Protein backbone atom coordinates (compact mmCIF):
# COMPACT_ATOMS: atom_id res chain seq x y z
CA MET A 1 142.06 177.11 290.11
CA PHE A 2 142.83 173.86 288.47
CA GLY A 3 146.28 172.24 288.66
CA VAL A 4 147.93 169.88 286.11
CA TYR A 5 148.28 166.16 286.98
CA LEU A 6 151.68 164.96 286.35
CA ASP A 7 152.06 161.17 286.15
CA THR A 8 155.76 160.61 287.27
CA ARG A 9 155.35 156.53 287.09
CA ASN A 10 155.94 155.70 283.71
CA PRO A 11 159.73 155.92 283.43
CA CYS A 12 159.63 156.50 279.93
CA CYS A 13 158.23 159.61 280.27
CA ASP A 14 159.46 163.12 281.42
CA ALA A 15 156.03 164.48 283.17
CA SER A 16 157.29 168.09 283.26
CA THR A 17 158.06 168.12 279.19
CA CYS A 18 155.67 165.86 278.39
CA ARG A 19 158.68 164.14 275.92
CA LEU A 20 160.03 160.69 276.21
CA THR A 21 162.86 160.39 278.23
CA GLU A 22 166.33 160.01 276.81
CA GLY A 23 166.97 156.59 275.35
CA SER A 24 163.06 156.06 275.02
CA GLN A 25 161.49 154.81 271.78
CA CYS A 26 157.91 154.33 273.21
CA ALA A 27 156.23 154.74 276.76
CA HIS A 28 153.26 152.79 276.29
CA GLY A 29 151.44 150.54 273.84
CA LEU A 30 151.30 146.76 273.13
CA CYS A 31 154.49 147.02 271.19
CA CYS A 32 156.21 148.95 274.22
CA ASP A 33 158.72 146.90 276.60
CA ASN A 34 161.49 148.89 279.00
CA CYS A 35 160.59 151.93 276.81
CA GLN A 36 161.44 150.24 273.55
CA VAL A 37 159.90 149.64 270.38
CA ASN A 38 159.89 145.37 270.17
CA PRO A 39 161.27 144.57 267.22
CA ALA A 40 159.29 143.69 264.10
CA ASN A 41 157.76 139.96 263.50
CA THR A 42 158.51 138.88 267.07
CA ILE A 43 155.78 139.74 268.91
CA VAL A 44 152.35 138.88 268.49
CA CYS A 45 150.05 141.66 269.64
CA ARG A 46 147.03 140.40 268.37
CA LYS A 47 146.06 136.70 268.22
CA THR A 48 143.37 135.30 265.98
CA SER A 49 140.05 135.75 267.34
CA ARG A 50 137.88 133.78 264.56
CA ASP A 51 137.91 132.00 261.46
CA CYS A 52 139.74 133.84 258.60
CA ASP A 53 141.63 136.22 261.38
CA LEU A 54 145.58 136.79 261.02
CA PRO A 55 147.61 137.48 263.83
CA GLU A 56 149.63 140.85 264.31
CA TYR A 57 153.00 141.39 265.14
CA CYS A 58 154.73 144.43 266.08
CA THR A 59 156.29 146.38 262.92
CA GLY A 60 159.21 147.13 264.40
CA VAL A 61 158.72 151.14 264.18
CA SER A 62 155.88 151.66 266.42
CA GLN A 63 154.33 151.02 269.75
CA ASP A 64 150.92 149.84 268.77
CA CYS A 65 149.93 146.90 267.28
CA PRO A 66 148.83 147.46 263.45
CA GLU A 67 145.09 147.31 262.53
CA ASP A 68 143.48 143.81 262.68
CA ARG A 69 143.49 142.31 259.29
CA PHE A 70 141.81 139.13 257.74
CA GLU A 71 142.27 136.38 255.34
CA MET A 72 140.54 136.49 251.62
CA ASN A 73 138.59 133.44 250.79
CA GLY A 74 140.33 131.36 248.06
CA LYS A 75 141.77 129.39 250.83
CA GLU A 76 139.83 125.91 251.63
CA ASP A 77 139.07 127.18 255.18
CA CYS A 78 138.80 130.87 254.70
CA ALA A 79 136.81 130.21 251.49
CA LYS A 80 133.73 127.98 253.49
CA LYS A 81 133.78 131.23 255.65
CA CYS A 82 133.73 134.20 253.26
CA ASN A 83 132.06 135.39 250.75
CA ASN A 84 133.08 135.78 246.98
CA ASN A 85 134.78 139.58 247.73
CA GLY A 86 136.33 138.54 250.77
CA VAL A 87 136.49 139.34 254.41
CA ARG A 88 136.45 142.62 253.32
CA ASP A 89 132.69 142.96 252.67
CA LEU A 90 131.88 140.99 255.94
CA TRP A 91 133.55 143.07 258.49
CA LYS A 92 134.71 145.94 256.69
CA ILE A 93 138.25 145.78 257.13
CA ASN A 94 142.19 145.42 256.12
CA THR A 95 142.58 141.56 254.31
CA LEU A 96 145.27 140.20 253.27
CA SER A 97 145.07 137.21 250.14
CA CYS A 98 144.53 133.71 251.04
CA PHE A 99 146.98 132.99 248.20
CA HIS A 100 150.55 133.07 250.06
């Protein structure tokens, strides 16, 4: 007979109910600290990793880091490395305009 393994090491989770403990907003994730979601725009959860990449910040509403985003051409540094349609065509992911 198979049993169910209950992880009782996470203070944010009640393993017997598979729910967050009272007062907890989250249990894990890059934007979860001490069972609370990090405030918006205060914690960099993903640093830039290459040209045209933007840092991602915790949103204040999710325990997860938002999707990776990139700048589009139009900004001098970015324009040298991105095609006419922006980074979206190169990496097929969300982008933001360089004009801000």
